[in-house]
Structures are given as structure tokens and as C-alpha cells.
Protein backbone atom coordinates (compact mmCIF):
# COMPACT_ATOMS: atom_id res chain seq x y z
CA MET A 1 174.79 -142.05 -46.39
CA ARG A 2 171.59 -143.86 -46.56
CA PRO A 3 169.35 -143.57 -49.61
CA THR A 4 166.02 -141.98 -48.88
CA ARG A 5 163.20 -144.22 -49.59
CA ILE A 6 159.97 -142.68 -50.88
CA SER A 7 156.82 -144.56 -50.24
CA PRO A 8 154.27 -144.79 -53.06
CA ASP A 9 151.91 -142.52 -51.09
CA ASP A 10 154.57 -139.81 -50.78
CA HIS A 11 155.28 -140.03 -54.51
CA ARG A 12 151.58 -139.55 -55.40
CA SER A 13 151.20 -136.58 -53.12
CA ARG A 14 154.21 -134.89 -54.74
CA ILE A 15 152.73 -135.49 -58.19
CA ARG A 16 149.42 -134.05 -57.11
CA ARG A 17 151.10 -130.93 -55.81
CA ARG A 18 153.01 -130.39 -59.05
CA ALA A 19 150.19 -131.15 -61.49
CA PRO A 20 148.15 -128.10 -62.41
CA SER A 21 144.51 -128.22 -61.57
CA ARG A 22 142.18 -128.92 -64.47
CA ALA A 23 139.26 -127.11 -62.84
CA PRO A 24 140.08 -123.66 -64.31
CA LEU A 25 140.45 -125.15 -67.79
CA ALA A 26 137.12 -126.95 -67.48
CA ALA A 27 135.46 -123.73 -66.32
CA VAL A 28 136.83 -121.82 -69.32
CA VAL A 29 135.61 -124.52 -71.73
CA LEU A 30 132.14 -124.42 -70.21
CA ILE A 31 131.97 -120.62 -70.39
CA VAL A 32 133.06 -120.57 -74.04
CA ALA A 33 130.54 -123.28 -74.91
CA ALA A 34 127.76 -121.34 -73.19
CA LEU A 35 128.66 -118.14 -75.04
CA GLN A 36 128.75 -119.91 -78.41
CA GLY A 37 125.30 -121.38 -78.00
CA SER A 38 124.20 -124.75 -79.18
CA PRO A 39 123.35 -125.65 -82.78
CA ALA A 40 119.74 -126.08 -81.72
CA GLN A 41 119.62 -122.36 -80.93
CA ALA A 42 120.76 -121.36 -84.43
CA GLN A 43 118.36 -119.09 -86.29
CA ALA A 44 116.14 -120.86 -88.77
CA PRO A 45 116.56 -119.79 -92.40
CA SER A 46 114.05 -117.26 -93.72
CA ARG A 47 111.40 -118.19 -96.27
CA GLY A 48 113.31 -116.19 -98.88
CA GLU A 49 116.50 -118.12 -98.17
CA LEU A 50 114.68 -121.45 -98.38
CA LEU A 51 113.04 -120.52 -101.69
CA TYR A 52 116.33 -119.28 -103.13
CA ASN A 53 118.33 -122.31 -101.99
CA THR A 54 115.67 -124.69 -103.28
CA ASN A 55 114.99 -123.10 -106.66
CA CYS A 56 117.78 -120.73 -107.65
CA ILE A 57 121.13 -121.82 -106.26
CA ALA A 58 121.56 -124.55 -108.88
CA CYS A 59 122.14 -121.89 -111.56
CA HIS A 60 123.08 -118.82 -109.54
CA SER A 61 126.37 -118.96 -107.67
CA THR A 62 127.44 -116.16 -105.34
CA GLN A 63 129.50 -114.73 -108.22
CA MET A 64 126.23 -113.93 -109.98
CA HIS A 65 125.53 -111.30 -107.35
CA TRP A 66 129.06 -109.87 -107.23
CA ARG A 67 129.75 -109.50 -110.95
CA SER A 68 130.28 -106.03 -112.37
CA ARG A 69 127.52 -106.35 -114.99
CA ARG A 70 124.77 -107.36 -112.61
CA LEU A 71 121.25 -106.31 -113.55
CA ALA A 72 120.04 -105.48 -110.04
CA THR A 73 121.16 -101.93 -109.30
CA ASP A 74 118.60 -100.94 -106.64
CA TRP A 75 115.79 -102.44 -104.56
CA THR A 76 113.19 -102.14 -107.33
CA SER A 77 115.38 -103.72 -110.00
CA LEU A 78 116.31 -106.53 -107.59
CA GLN A 79 112.63 -107.35 -107.13
CA GLU A 80 112.11 -107.18 -110.90
CA GLN A 81 114.97 -109.63 -111.48
CA VAL A 82 113.56 -112.06 -108.91
CA ARG A 83 110.15 -111.78 -110.58
CA ARG A 84 111.70 -112.28 -114.02
CA TRP A 85 113.64 -115.39 -113.13
CA GLN A 86 110.88 -117.06 -111.15
CA GLN A 87 108.64 -116.58 -114.21
CA ALA A 88 111.35 -118.02 -116.48
CA ALA A 89 111.54 -121.06 -114.21
CA SER A 90 107.71 -121.34 -114.07
CA LEU A 91 107.74 -121.23 -110.28
CA ASP A 92 104.43 -119.33 -109.91
CA TRP A 93 105.57 -117.51 -106.77
CA ARG A 94 103.24 -115.11 -105.02
CA ASP A 95 104.28 -111.46 -104.67
CA GLU A 96 105.13 -112.16 -101.02
CA ASP A 97 107.55 -114.90 -102.09
CA ILE A 98 109.25 -112.55 -104.54
CA VAL A 99 109.66 -109.93 -101.82
CA GLU A 100 111.04 -112.53 -99.40
CA VAL A 101 113.64 -113.78 -101.89
CA ALA A 102 114.57 -110.20 -102.82
CA ARG A 103 114.88 -109.35 -99.12
CA PHE A 104 117.14 -112.37 -98.54
CA LEU A 105 119.36 -111.46 -101.51
CA ASN A 106 119.46 -107.83 -100.44
CA GLU A 107 120.54 -108.71 -96.90
CA ARG A 108 123.09 -111.26 -98.08
CA TYR A 109 124.64 -109.53 -101.11
CA TYR A 110 123.35 -106.11 -102.11
CA GLY A 111 122.47 -103.79 -99.23
CA PHE A 112 120.01 -101.63 -101.20
CA THR A 113 117.59 -99.39 -99.34
CA PRO A 114 114.16 -101.01 -99.74
CA THR A 115 111.49 -98.67 -101.10
CA THR A 116 108.68 -100.96 -100.00
CA THR A 117 108.51 -103.70 -97.44
CA SER A 118 104.76 -104.28 -97.54
CA GLY A 119 105.14 -107.73 -99.04
CA SER A 120 103.18 -106.93 -102.18
CA LEU A 121 104.48 -105.84 -105.53
CA SER A 122 102.81 -104.19 -108.42
CA ALA A 123 103.89 -105.32 -111.84
CA SER A 124 105.91 -102.60 -113.55
CA GLY A 125 104.75 -103.82 -116.93
CA PRO A 126 104.18 -106.99 -118.88
CA SER A 127 106.33 -109.98 -118.24
CA PRO A 128 109.71 -109.72 -119.95
CA PHE A 129 108.91 -113.08 -121.51
CA ALA A 130 105.49 -112.09 -122.87
CA ALA A 131 106.92 -111.27 -126.32
CA GLY A 132 108.82 -114.55 -126.53
CA PRO A 133 112.42 -115.48 -125.87
CA ARG A 134 115.13 -112.87 -126.29
CA PRO A 135 118.49 -113.61 -127.87
CA VAL A 136 121.18 -114.38 -125.35
CA ALA A 137 123.96 -111.81 -125.27
CA GLN A 138 127.35 -113.31 -125.99
CA PRO A 139 130.05 -112.56 -123.42
CA ASP A 140 132.77 -110.14 -124.44
CA ARG A 141 135.84 -111.99 -125.60
CA PRO A 142 139.34 -110.56 -125.91
């Protein structure tokens, strides 16, 4: 019996027939990439998010908004807390800025039903800091 000799061309053609085509995989990758969108198409942060991330995030972690003793219990009190803390930090925000930050926090953490979305706020009373600093409440300890 004579050994069968395979020419290099025959060997390559057999490999090509056995190797799966990469075209379907490439098509799937392109489709997934198109559906995901590019980073350039990502939505720009809102003004409220920019203000919060620039001025508030240094002291307020996400746990601040999830804690059981949070002071914001509805849309109005959320706006009041934003107003209070921007005054404490001497940020001099306009009413529109306060509403934007409250809107960002509400969408991200709270989910309250807004009672006003006009962009302007009326002060519910004098600044909480008008009478001077208040004593800090000590946390409950076991």
C-alpha cells in the first residue's frame, strides 16, 4: 500500500472547509455595538446633577438619601433641604438651581410627586440659619 501524499494546497482547502466562518460572529458584534450606542451618544448630565456633584457630593454620600431618618419626606421638604444646605454652604443658588438639584435628587433617589415644576420657589419662612447655628444632634448610641 502506498501512502497518500497530500499537497499543501489540498491541506489548506481541507482546513478552510473545517474552520467555521467568522462572518456571522463579526455581524453579531457589529449589531450589538450598534444597539449599545457609542459613548459620544450618552446623555449629558442635567444642571442639577452637575451642581450636586460639584458642590454636595463631598459631604453627602448616597447613604445620606437612603437612611431611615432622612429629613426629606416629600417634594416640598426635599426642596427645603436643598435650599437649607446650599445656604449653609454659601452657594447663593438661584431658585431655579434649587429646583434642578431637587429634581435630580428626586429622580435618582426619592421618587416624590412634585407639587410644582415651574422652576421658582417661594420661601416657606426665614432661613433656618437666620437665628444662628443650631446644636448638632448626637447620634443614638447603644
